[in-house]
Amino acid sequence: MSLSLASIQSAKNDEELFEQLSETLKKVFPPELQEDRERFLTAFPRGLRAMAGIFDLDVSMALDDLAWHFGNHNDERFLQETVLALRELEAVEAADLFQSAWDIAAPYLPEIRIKDWESEDPHDYFDRTIQSMVDPLNDRMWAICKECGDRGLLQYWLAYARKYPERCVAAS
């Protein structure tokens, strides 16, 4: 089933809606598009774009933390997209926390982008630079993820799709 206003509105439960959104995002944002940030940043309905825009942050918070997120995702345009996506999804506190962490990491991003992680352990680098400053933000972001339940930050997809289904489908 393709994502439509009717399919969003008729989803019987969170699991069905999440499955619809996930399948649509996989089709709309295939791996090759995710790698092409120029196309990614200009494409698709704003709701789907916002949903895709927080996916990597959710993965980072599930597996690592904010410091590691900046180690793995340090393109300024993508970081801005993450803030805008969180705000679009009405995850205001998470957006503020992410922005604060980005403000801390920003002076280090040029170095992080060119860092040879073969010659220096990333843990040592982050411990020496931003880790202690972002740890309090990590604690609160992890608490938000826990409050969201098993889906973490992706839980925001569901509330958003129910509130703004028209923002999740292409205009006809």
N, C-alpha and C. Protein backbone atom coordinates (compact mmCIF):
# COMPACT_ATOMS: atom_id res chain seq x y z
N MET A 1 0.84 -1.17 0.00
CA MET A 1 0.00 0.00 0.00
C MET A 1 0.89 1.24 0.00
N SER A 2 0.55 2.18 -0.84
CA SER A 2 1.34 3.41 -0.85
C SER A 2 0.78 4.38 0.19
N LEU A 3 1.65 5.20 0.71
CA LEU A 3 1.27 6.14 1.76
C LEU A 3 0.35 7.20 1.17
N SER A 4 -0.77 7.41 1.83
CA SER A 4 -1.74 8.41 1.40
C SER A 4 -2.41 8.98 2.65
N LEU A 5 -3.15 10.05 2.45
CA LEU A 5 -3.91 10.60 3.58
C LEU A 5 -4.82 9.53 4.16
N ALA A 6 -5.50 8.81 3.28
CA ALA A 6 -6.43 7.78 3.74
C ALA A 6 -5.71 6.67 4.51
N SER A 7 -4.55 6.22 4.02
CA SER A 7 -3.87 5.13 4.71
C SER A 7 -3.34 5.57 6.07
N ILE A 8 -2.90 6.82 6.17
CA ILE A 8 -2.45 7.34 7.47
C ILE A 8 -3.62 7.41 8.43
N GLN A 9 -4.71 7.98 7.96
CA GLN A 9 -5.88 8.18 8.83
C GLN A 9 -6.56 6.87 9.21
N SER A 10 -6.42 5.84 8.37
CA SER A 10 -7.09 4.58 8.68
C SER A 10 -6.19 3.56 9.36
N ALA A 11 -4.95 3.93 9.64
CA ALA A 11 -4.05 3.00 10.34
C ALA A 11 -4.69 2.58 11.66
N LYS A 12 -4.76 1.28 11.87
CA LYS A 12 -5.47 0.75 13.04
C LYS A 12 -4.73 0.98 14.35
N ASN A 13 -3.39 1.04 14.27
CA ASN A 13 -2.60 1.18 15.49
C ASN A 13 -1.23 1.76 15.15
N ASP A 14 -0.44 2.00 16.17
CA ASP A 14 0.89 2.58 15.98
C ASP A 14 1.77 1.68 15.11
N GLU A 15 1.68 0.38 15.31
CA GLU A 15 2.53 -0.55 14.55
C GLU A 15 2.22 -0.46 13.06
N GLU A 16 0.97 -0.42 12.71
CA GLU A 16 0.59 -0.33 11.29
C GLU A 16 1.06 0.99 10.69
N LEU A 17 0.86 2.08 11.40
CA LEU A 17 1.29 3.38 10.90
C LEU A 17 2.81 3.44 10.79
N PHE A 18 3.51 2.94 11.80
CA PHE A 18 4.97 2.94 11.76
C PHE A 18 5.47 2.14 10.56
N GLU A 19 4.86 1.01 10.30
CA GLU A 19 5.24 0.17 9.16
C GLU A 19 5.03 0.93 7.84
N GLN A 20 3.90 1.60 7.72
CA GLN A 20 3.63 2.40 6.51
C GLN A 20 4.70 3.47 6.31
N LEU A 21 4.99 4.20 7.38
CA LEU A 21 5.98 5.27 7.30
C LEU A 21 7.37 4.72 6.99
N SER A 22 7.75 3.65 7.66
CA SER A 22 9.07 3.05 7.44
C SER A 22 9.22 2.56 6.01
N GLU A 23 8.23 1.86 5.50
CA GLU A 23 8.30 1.35 4.13
C GLU A 23 8.37 2.48 3.12
N THR A 24 7.61 3.52 3.35
CA THR A 24 7.64 4.67 2.45
C THR A 24 8.99 5.35 2.48
N LEU A 25 9.54 5.53 3.68
CA LEU A 25 10.86 6.16 3.79
C LEU A 25 11.94 5.33 3.11
N LYS A 26 11.86 4.01 3.21
CA LYS A 26 12.84 3.15 2.54
C LYS A 26 12.78 3.34 1.02
N LYS A 27 11.57 3.52 0.50
CA LYS A 27 11.41 3.71 -0.95
C LYS A 27 11.83 5.11 -1.37
N VAL A 28 11.42 6.09 -0.60
CA VAL A 28 11.66 7.49 -0.96
C VAL A 28 13.11 7.90 -0.73
N PHE A 29 13.74 7.35 0.30
CA PHE A 29 15.12 7.69 0.65
C PHE A 29 16.00 6.44 0.59
N PRO A 30 16.22 5.89 -0.62
CA PRO A 30 17.09 4.72 -0.71
C PRO A 30 18.52 5.09 -0.34
N PRO A 31 19.36 4.09 -0.06
CA PRO A 31 20.73 4.38 0.38
C PRO A 31 21.49 5.34 -0.54
N GLU A 32 21.32 5.21 -1.85
CA GLU A 32 22.06 6.10 -2.75
C GLU A 32 21.64 7.57 -2.59
N LEU A 33 20.38 7.81 -2.25
CA LEU A 33 19.93 9.19 -2.01
C LEU A 33 20.44 9.68 -0.66
N GLN A 34 20.49 8.80 0.32
CA GLN A 34 21.00 9.19 1.63
C GLN A 34 22.46 9.63 1.53
N GLU A 35 23.20 9.04 0.61
CA GLU A 35 24.60 9.41 0.42
C GLU A 35 24.74 10.71 -0.36
N ASP A 36 23.72 11.07 -1.14
CA ASP A 36 23.76 12.30 -1.94
C ASP A 36 23.03 13.39 -1.18
N ARG A 37 23.75 14.05 -0.28
CA ARG A 37 23.14 15.05 0.61
C ARG A 37 22.51 16.21 -0.14
N GLU A 38 23.03 16.56 -1.31
CA GLU A 38 22.43 17.66 -2.08
C GLU A 38 20.99 17.34 -2.45
N ARG A 39 20.76 16.14 -2.95
CA ARG A 39 19.40 15.72 -3.31
C ARG A 39 18.55 15.49 -2.06
N PHE A 40 19.15 14.90 -1.05
CA PHE A 40 18.43 14.62 0.19
C PHE A 40 17.86 15.90 0.79
N LEU A 41 18.66 16.95 0.79
CA LEU A 41 18.27 18.20 1.44
C LEU A 41 17.23 19.01 0.67
N THR A 42 16.89 18.57 -0.53
CA THR A 42 15.93 19.34 -1.33
C THR A 42 14.72 18.52 -1.75
N ALA A 43 14.59 17.34 -1.22
CA ALA A 43 13.60 16.41 -1.75
C ALA A 43 12.42 16.16 -0.82
N PHE A 44 11.28 15.86 -1.44
CA PHE A 44 10.18 15.15 -0.82
C PHE A 44 9.32 15.97 0.16
N PRO A 45 8.16 15.42 0.48
CA PRO A 45 7.27 16.12 1.40
C PRO A 45 7.98 16.43 2.72
N ARG A 46 7.66 17.56 3.29
CA ARG A 46 8.42 18.02 4.46
C ARG A 46 8.32 17.06 5.64
N GLY A 47 7.21 16.39 5.82
CA GLY A 47 7.08 15.43 6.91
C GLY A 47 8.01 14.25 6.75
N LEU A 48 8.05 13.67 5.54
CA LEU A 48 8.95 12.54 5.29
C LEU A 48 10.40 12.97 5.39
N ARG A 49 10.69 14.16 4.88
CA ARG A 49 12.06 14.68 4.97
C ARG A 49 12.47 14.83 6.44
N ALA A 50 11.55 15.34 7.27
CA ALA A 50 11.85 15.48 8.70
C ALA A 50 12.05 14.12 9.35
N MET A 51 11.21 13.16 9.00
CA MET A 51 11.36 11.82 9.56
C MET A 51 12.71 11.24 9.20
N ALA A 52 13.09 11.36 7.94
CA ALA A 52 14.40 10.87 7.51
C ALA A 52 15.51 11.65 8.19
N GLY A 53 15.27 12.93 8.45
CA GLY A 53 16.29 13.79 9.04
C GLY A 53 16.67 13.46 10.47
N ILE A 54 15.84 12.70 11.18
CA ILE A 54 16.19 12.34 12.56
C ILE A 54 16.63 10.89 12.70
N PHE A 55 16.55 10.14 11.63
CA PHE A 55 16.86 8.71 11.73
C PHE A 55 18.26 8.46 12.26
N ASP A 56 19.26 9.13 11.67
CA ASP A 56 20.65 8.88 12.11
C ASP A 56 20.87 9.31 13.56
N LEU A 57 20.22 10.37 13.99
CA LEU A 57 20.33 10.78 15.40
C LEU A 57 19.75 9.70 16.31
N ASP A 58 18.63 9.14 15.92
CA ASP A 58 18.03 8.07 16.72
C ASP A 58 18.99 6.89 16.82
N VAL A 59 19.62 6.52 15.71
CA VAL A 59 20.60 5.43 15.72
C VAL A 59 21.77 5.79 16.64
N SER A 60 22.26 7.02 16.52
CA SER A 60 23.38 7.44 17.37
C SER A 60 23.03 7.36 18.85
N MET A 61 21.82 7.77 19.21
CA MET A 61 21.43 7.74 20.62
C MET A 61 21.20 6.31 21.11
N ALA A 62 20.80 5.43 20.21
CA ALA A 62 20.59 4.03 20.60
C ALA A 62 21.92 3.28 20.76
N LEU A 63 22.90 3.61 19.92
CA LEU A 63 24.15 2.86 19.92
C LEU A 63 25.31 3.58 20.60
N ASP A 64 25.28 4.91 20.59
CA ASP A 64 26.41 5.69 21.09
C ASP A 64 25.90 6.88 21.89
N ASP A 65 26.26 8.07 21.44
CA ASP A 65 25.82 9.28 22.12
C ASP A 65 26.00 10.47 21.18
N LEU A 66 25.78 11.66 21.69
CA LEU A 66 25.87 12.86 20.86
C LEU A 66 27.28 13.11 20.34
N ALA A 67 28.29 12.89 21.15
CA ALA A 67 29.67 13.11 20.68
C ALA A 67 29.95 12.23 19.46
N TRP A 68 29.60 10.97 19.56
CA TRP A 68 29.82 10.05 18.45
C TRP A 68 28.97 10.43 17.24
N HIS A 69 27.80 10.99 17.48
CA HIS A 69 26.98 11.44 16.35
C HIS A 69 27.75 12.45 15.52
N PHE A 70 28.40 13.39 16.19
CA PHE A 70 29.17 14.40 15.46
C PHE A 70 30.41 13.80 14.81
N GLY A 71 30.93 12.74 15.38
CA GLY A 71 32.04 12.06 14.74
C GLY A 71 31.62 11.38 13.45
N ASN A 72 30.41 10.86 13.44
CA ASN A 72 29.91 10.14 12.27
C ASN A 72 29.17 11.03 11.28
N HIS A 73 28.59 12.11 11.77
CA HIS A 73 27.75 12.99 10.94
C HIS A 73 28.16 14.43 11.23
N ASN A 74 29.03 14.96 10.40
CA ASN A 74 29.57 16.28 10.73
C ASN A 74 29.44 17.30 9.60
N ASP A 75 28.60 17.01 8.62
CA ASP A 75 28.31 17.97 7.56
C ASP A 75 27.33 19.01 8.13
N GLU A 76 27.72 20.27 8.08
CA GLU A 76 26.90 21.34 8.67
C GLU A 76 25.47 21.36 8.12
N ARG A 77 25.33 21.10 6.83
CA ARG A 77 23.98 21.11 6.23
C ARG A 77 23.13 20.00 6.83
N PHE A 78 23.73 18.85 7.04
CA PHE A 78 22.99 17.72 7.61
C PHE A 78 22.65 17.98 9.07
N LEU A 79 23.56 18.59 9.79
CA LEU A 79 23.29 18.91 11.20
C LEU A 79 22.15 19.92 11.29
N GLN A 80 22.16 20.91 10.40
CA GLN A 80 21.05 21.88 10.37
C GLN A 80 19.75 21.18 10.02
N GLU A 81 19.81 20.25 9.09
CA GLU A 81 18.62 19.48 8.71
C GLU A 81 18.08 18.71 9.91
N THR A 82 18.97 18.18 10.74
CA THR A 82 18.54 17.43 11.93
C THR A 82 17.80 18.35 12.90
N VAL A 83 18.33 19.54 13.13
CA VAL A 83 17.65 20.50 14.02
C VAL A 83 16.29 20.86 13.45
N LEU A 84 16.25 21.19 12.17
CA LEU A 84 14.98 21.57 11.53
C LEU A 84 13.99 20.41 11.56
N ALA A 85 14.49 19.20 11.35
CA ALA A 85 13.63 18.02 11.37
C ALA A 85 13.02 17.82 12.76
N LEU A 86 13.82 17.92 13.78
CA LEU A 86 13.30 17.77 15.15
C LEU A 86 12.24 18.83 15.44
N ARG A 87 12.49 20.05 15.00
CA ARG A 87 11.50 21.12 15.22
C ARG A 87 10.23 20.85 14.41
N GLU A 88 10.38 20.41 13.16
CA GLU A 88 9.21 20.10 12.34
C GLU A 88 8.37 19.02 13.00
N LEU A 89 9.03 18.03 13.59
CA LEU A 89 8.32 16.93 14.25
C LEU A 89 7.84 17.30 15.65
N GLU A 90 8.04 18.57 16.02
CA GLU A 90 7.61 19.11 17.32
C GLU A 90 8.32 18.45 18.50
N ALA A 91 9.54 18.00 18.24
CA ALA A 91 10.40 17.45 19.30
C ALA A 91 11.28 18.60 19.79
N VAL A 92 10.65 19.57 20.39
CA VAL A 92 11.29 20.85 20.72
C VAL A 92 12.45 20.67 21.70
N GLU A 93 12.24 19.93 22.77
CA GLU A 93 13.32 19.76 23.74
C GLU A 93 14.50 19.02 23.11
N ALA A 94 14.21 17.98 22.34
CA ALA A 94 15.28 17.24 21.67
C ALA A 94 16.03 18.16 20.70
N ALA A 95 15.31 19.02 20.01
CA ALA A 95 15.94 19.97 19.08
C ALA A 95 16.86 20.93 19.85
N ASP A 96 16.38 21.42 20.97
CA ASP A 96 17.20 22.34 21.78
C ASP A 96 18.46 21.64 22.31
N LEU A 97 18.30 20.41 22.75
CA LEU A 97 19.46 19.64 23.24
C LEU A 97 20.46 19.39 22.11
N PHE A 98 19.94 19.00 20.96
CA PHE A 98 20.82 18.74 19.83
C PHE A 98 21.55 20.02 19.42
N GLN A 99 20.84 21.14 19.38
CA GLN A 99 21.46 22.41 19.04
C GLN A 99 22.55 22.78 20.04
N SER A 100 22.29 22.55 21.32
CA SER A 100 23.30 22.84 22.35
C SER A 100 24.53 21.96 22.16
N ALA A 101 24.31 20.69 21.86
CA ALA A 101 25.44 19.78 21.63
C ALA A 101 26.21 20.21 20.38
N TRP A 102 25.51 20.62 19.36
CA TRP A 102 26.16 21.09 18.13
C TRP A 102 26.99 22.34 18.41
N ASP A 103 26.44 23.24 19.23
CA ASP A 103 27.20 24.44 19.60
C ASP A 103 28.51 24.07 20.29
N ILE A 104 28.47 23.05 21.11
CA ILE A 104 29.68 22.58 21.79
C ILE A 104 30.65 21.95 20.79
N ALA A 105 30.13 21.14 19.89
CA ALA A 105 30.97 20.41 18.93
C ALA A 105 31.47 21.28 17.79
N ALA A 106 30.77 22.36 17.48
CA ALA A 106 31.08 23.17 16.29
C ALA A 106 32.56 23.55 16.14
N PRO A 107 33.22 24.03 17.20
CA PRO A 107 34.63 24.41 17.03
C PRO A 107 35.53 23.22 16.67
N TYR A 108 35.10 22.02 16.96
CA TYR A 108 35.89 20.82 16.72
C TYR A 108 35.56 20.14 15.38
N LEU A 109 34.47 20.54 14.74
CA LEU A 109 34.04 19.85 13.52
C LEU A 109 35.07 19.88 12.39
N PRO A 110 35.76 21.00 12.14
CA PRO A 110 36.78 20.95 11.08
C PRO A 110 37.84 19.89 11.35
N GLU A 111 38.26 19.78 12.59
CA GLU A 111 39.25 18.77 12.96
C GLU A 111 38.66 17.35 12.87
N ILE A 112 37.42 17.20 13.33
CA ILE A 112 36.77 15.89 13.28
C ILE A 112 36.65 15.41 11.84
N ARG A 113 36.32 16.31 10.93
CA ARG A 113 36.15 15.94 9.52
C ARG A 113 37.42 15.35 8.90
N ILE A 114 38.57 15.83 9.33
CA ILE A 114 39.82 15.37 8.70
C ILE A 114 40.61 14.41 9.58
N LYS A 115 40.06 14.09 10.73
CA LYS A 115 40.76 13.25 11.71
C LYS A 115 41.08 11.88 11.13
N ASP A 116 42.28 11.44 11.36
CA ASP A 116 42.71 10.10 10.99
C ASP A 116 42.46 9.20 12.20
N TRP A 117 41.33 8.50 12.19
CA TRP A 117 40.95 7.69 13.35
C TRP A 117 41.80 6.44 13.47
N GLU A 118 42.65 6.19 12.49
CA GLU A 118 43.60 5.08 12.60
C GLU A 118 44.74 5.45 13.55
N SER A 119 45.05 6.75 13.62
CA SER A 119 46.19 7.17 14.43
C SER A 119 45.78 7.65 15.84
N GLU A 120 44.49 7.89 16.04
CA GLU A 120 44.04 8.29 17.38
C GLU A 120 42.70 7.63 17.67
N ASP A 121 42.59 7.08 18.83
CA ASP A 121 41.35 6.44 19.25
C ASP A 121 40.27 7.51 19.40
N PRO A 122 39.12 7.32 18.75
CA PRO A 122 38.05 8.31 18.86
C PRO A 122 37.61 8.57 20.31
N HIS A 123 37.61 7.51 21.13
CA HIS A 123 37.24 7.69 22.54
C HIS A 123 38.18 8.68 23.22
N ASP A 124 39.47 8.53 22.97
CA ASP A 124 40.44 9.44 23.57
C ASP A 124 40.22 10.87 23.09
N TYR A 125 39.97 11.01 21.78
CA TYR A 125 39.75 12.35 21.23
C TYR A 125 38.52 13.00 21.87
N PHE A 126 37.40 12.28 21.87
CA PHE A 126 36.17 12.87 22.43
C PHE A 126 36.33 13.13 23.93
N ASP A 127 36.99 12.22 24.65
CA ASP A 127 37.23 12.44 26.08
C ASP A 127 38.06 13.71 26.32
N ARG A 128 38.98 13.97 25.43
CA ARG A 128 39.87 15.13 25.55
C ARG A 128 39.18 16.44 25.12
N THR A 129 38.13 16.33 24.33
CA THR A 129 37.52 17.54 23.76
C THR A 129 36.09 17.77 24.25
N ILE A 130 35.11 17.11 23.70
CA ILE A 130 33.71 17.49 23.92
C ILE A 130 32.91 16.60 24.86
N GLN A 131 33.42 15.41 25.17
CA GLN A 131 32.61 14.42 25.89
C GLN A 131 32.04 14.95 27.21
N SER A 132 32.86 15.52 28.05
CA SER A 132 32.37 15.96 29.36
C SER A 132 31.34 17.09 29.24
N MET A 133 31.44 17.87 28.17
CA MET A 133 30.47 18.95 27.97
C MET A 133 29.14 18.45 27.43
N VAL A 134 29.18 17.38 26.64
CA VAL A 134 27.91 16.87 26.09
C VAL A 134 27.27 15.79 26.96
N ASP A 135 27.99 15.25 27.93
CA ASP A 135 27.42 14.20 28.77
C ASP A 135 26.10 14.59 29.43
N PRO A 136 25.98 15.79 30.02
CA PRO A 136 24.67 16.14 30.60
C PRO A 136 23.56 16.20 29.54
N LEU A 137 23.92 16.61 28.33
CA LEU A 137 22.94 16.63 27.24
C LEU A 137 22.57 15.21 26.82
N ASN A 138 23.58 14.32 26.81
CA ASN A 138 23.30 12.91 26.53
C ASN A 138 22.29 12.35 27.52
N ASP A 139 22.51 12.63 28.79
CA ASP A 139 21.61 12.09 29.82
C ASP A 139 20.17 12.50 29.56
N ARG A 140 19.97 13.75 29.23
CA ARG A 140 18.60 14.22 28.99
C ARG A 140 18.05 13.64 27.68
N MET A 141 18.90 13.58 26.63
CA MET A 141 18.43 13.03 25.35
C MET A 141 18.07 11.56 25.50
N TRP A 142 18.89 10.80 26.25
CA TRP A 142 18.55 9.40 26.49
C TRP A 142 17.23 9.28 27.27
N ALA A 143 17.00 10.20 28.20
CA ALA A 143 15.74 10.18 28.95
C ALA A 143 14.56 10.43 28.00
N ILE A 144 14.73 11.35 27.08
CA ILE A 144 13.66 11.60 26.09
C ILE A 144 13.43 10.36 25.25
N CYS A 145 14.51 9.74 24.80
CA CYS A 145 14.37 8.51 24.01
C CYS A 145 13.62 7.44 24.79
N LYS A 146 13.95 7.31 26.07
CA LYS A 146 13.29 6.31 26.92
C LYS A 146 11.81 6.66 27.09
N GLU A 147 11.51 7.94 27.30
CA GLU A 147 10.12 8.38 27.43
C GLU A 147 9.32 8.07 26.17
N CYS A 148 9.99 8.07 25.03
CA CYS A 148 9.33 7.79 23.75
C CYS A 148 9.02 6.31 23.58
N GLY A 149 9.61 5.45 24.39
CA GLY A 149 9.34 4.02 24.29
C GLY A 149 10.31 3.31 23.38
N ASP A 150 9.92 2.13 22.94
CA ASP A 150 10.80 1.26 22.17
C ASP A 150 11.30 1.87 20.86
N ARG A 151 10.55 2.78 20.30
CA ARG A 151 10.94 3.39 19.02
C ARG A 151 11.90 4.57 19.20
N GLY A 152 12.18 4.97 20.42
CA GLY A 152 13.05 6.11 20.64
C GLY A 152 12.50 7.35 19.96
N LEU A 153 13.38 8.14 19.37
CA LEU A 153 12.97 9.39 18.73
C LEU A 153 12.01 9.16 17.56
N LEU A 154 12.03 7.97 16.99
CA LEU A 154 11.14 7.69 15.86
C LEU A 154 9.67 7.68 16.27
N GLN A 155 9.41 7.65 17.56
CA GLN A 155 8.02 7.75 18.04
C GLN A 155 7.40 9.08 17.60
N TYR A 156 8.23 10.10 17.44
CA TYR A 156 7.71 11.39 16.98
C TYR A 156 7.08 11.29 15.60
N TRP A 157 7.52 10.32 14.80
CA TRP A 157 6.92 10.13 13.47
C TRP A 157 5.42 9.92 13.58
N LEU A 158 5.01 9.12 14.54
CA LEU A 158 3.60 8.72 14.63
C LEU A 158 2.70 9.89 15.01
N ALA A 159 3.08 10.61 16.05
CA ALA A 159 2.27 11.76 16.46
C ALA A 159 2.19 12.78 15.34
N TYR A 160 3.31 13.00 14.66
CA TYR A 160 3.36 13.97 13.57
C TYR A 160 2.45 13.53 12.41
N ALA A 161 2.57 12.27 11.99
CA ALA A 161 1.77 11.78 10.86
C ALA A 161 0.28 11.85 11.17
N ARG A 162 -0.08 11.59 12.41
CA ARG A 162 -1.50 11.67 12.77
C ARG A 162 -1.98 13.13 12.80
N LYS A 163 -1.12 14.02 13.24
CA LYS A 163 -1.50 15.43 13.35
C LYS A 163 -1.45 16.14 12.00
N TYR A 164 -0.46 15.78 11.17
CA TYR A 164 -0.24 16.46 9.89
C TYR A 164 -0.11 15.44 8.75
N PRO A 165 -1.09 14.62 8.50
CA PRO A 165 -0.94 13.61 7.46
C PRO A 165 -0.66 14.22 6.07
N GLU A 166 -1.19 15.39 5.83
CA GLU A 166 -0.99 16.04 4.52
C GLU A 166 0.48 16.40 4.29
N ARG A 167 1.26 16.55 5.34
CA ARG A 167 2.68 16.88 5.20
C ARG A 167 3.54 15.65 4.93
N CYS A 168 2.93 14.49 4.96
CA CYS A 168 3.67 13.25 4.79
C CYS A 168 3.47 12.63 3.41
N VAL A 169 2.62 13.22 2.61
CA VAL A 169 2.36 12.69 1.28
C VAL A 169 2.62 13.76 0.25
N ALA A 170 2.98 13.31 -0.94
CA ALA A 170 3.24 14.26 -2.03
C ALA A 170 1.92 14.89 -2.47
N ALA A 171 2.00 16.15 -2.83
CA ALA A 171 0.82 16.84 -3.34
C ALA A 171 0.40 16.19 -4.65
N SER A 172 -0.89 16.07 -4.82
CA SER A 172 -1.36 15.44 -6.06
C SER A 172 -1.69 16.47 -7.10
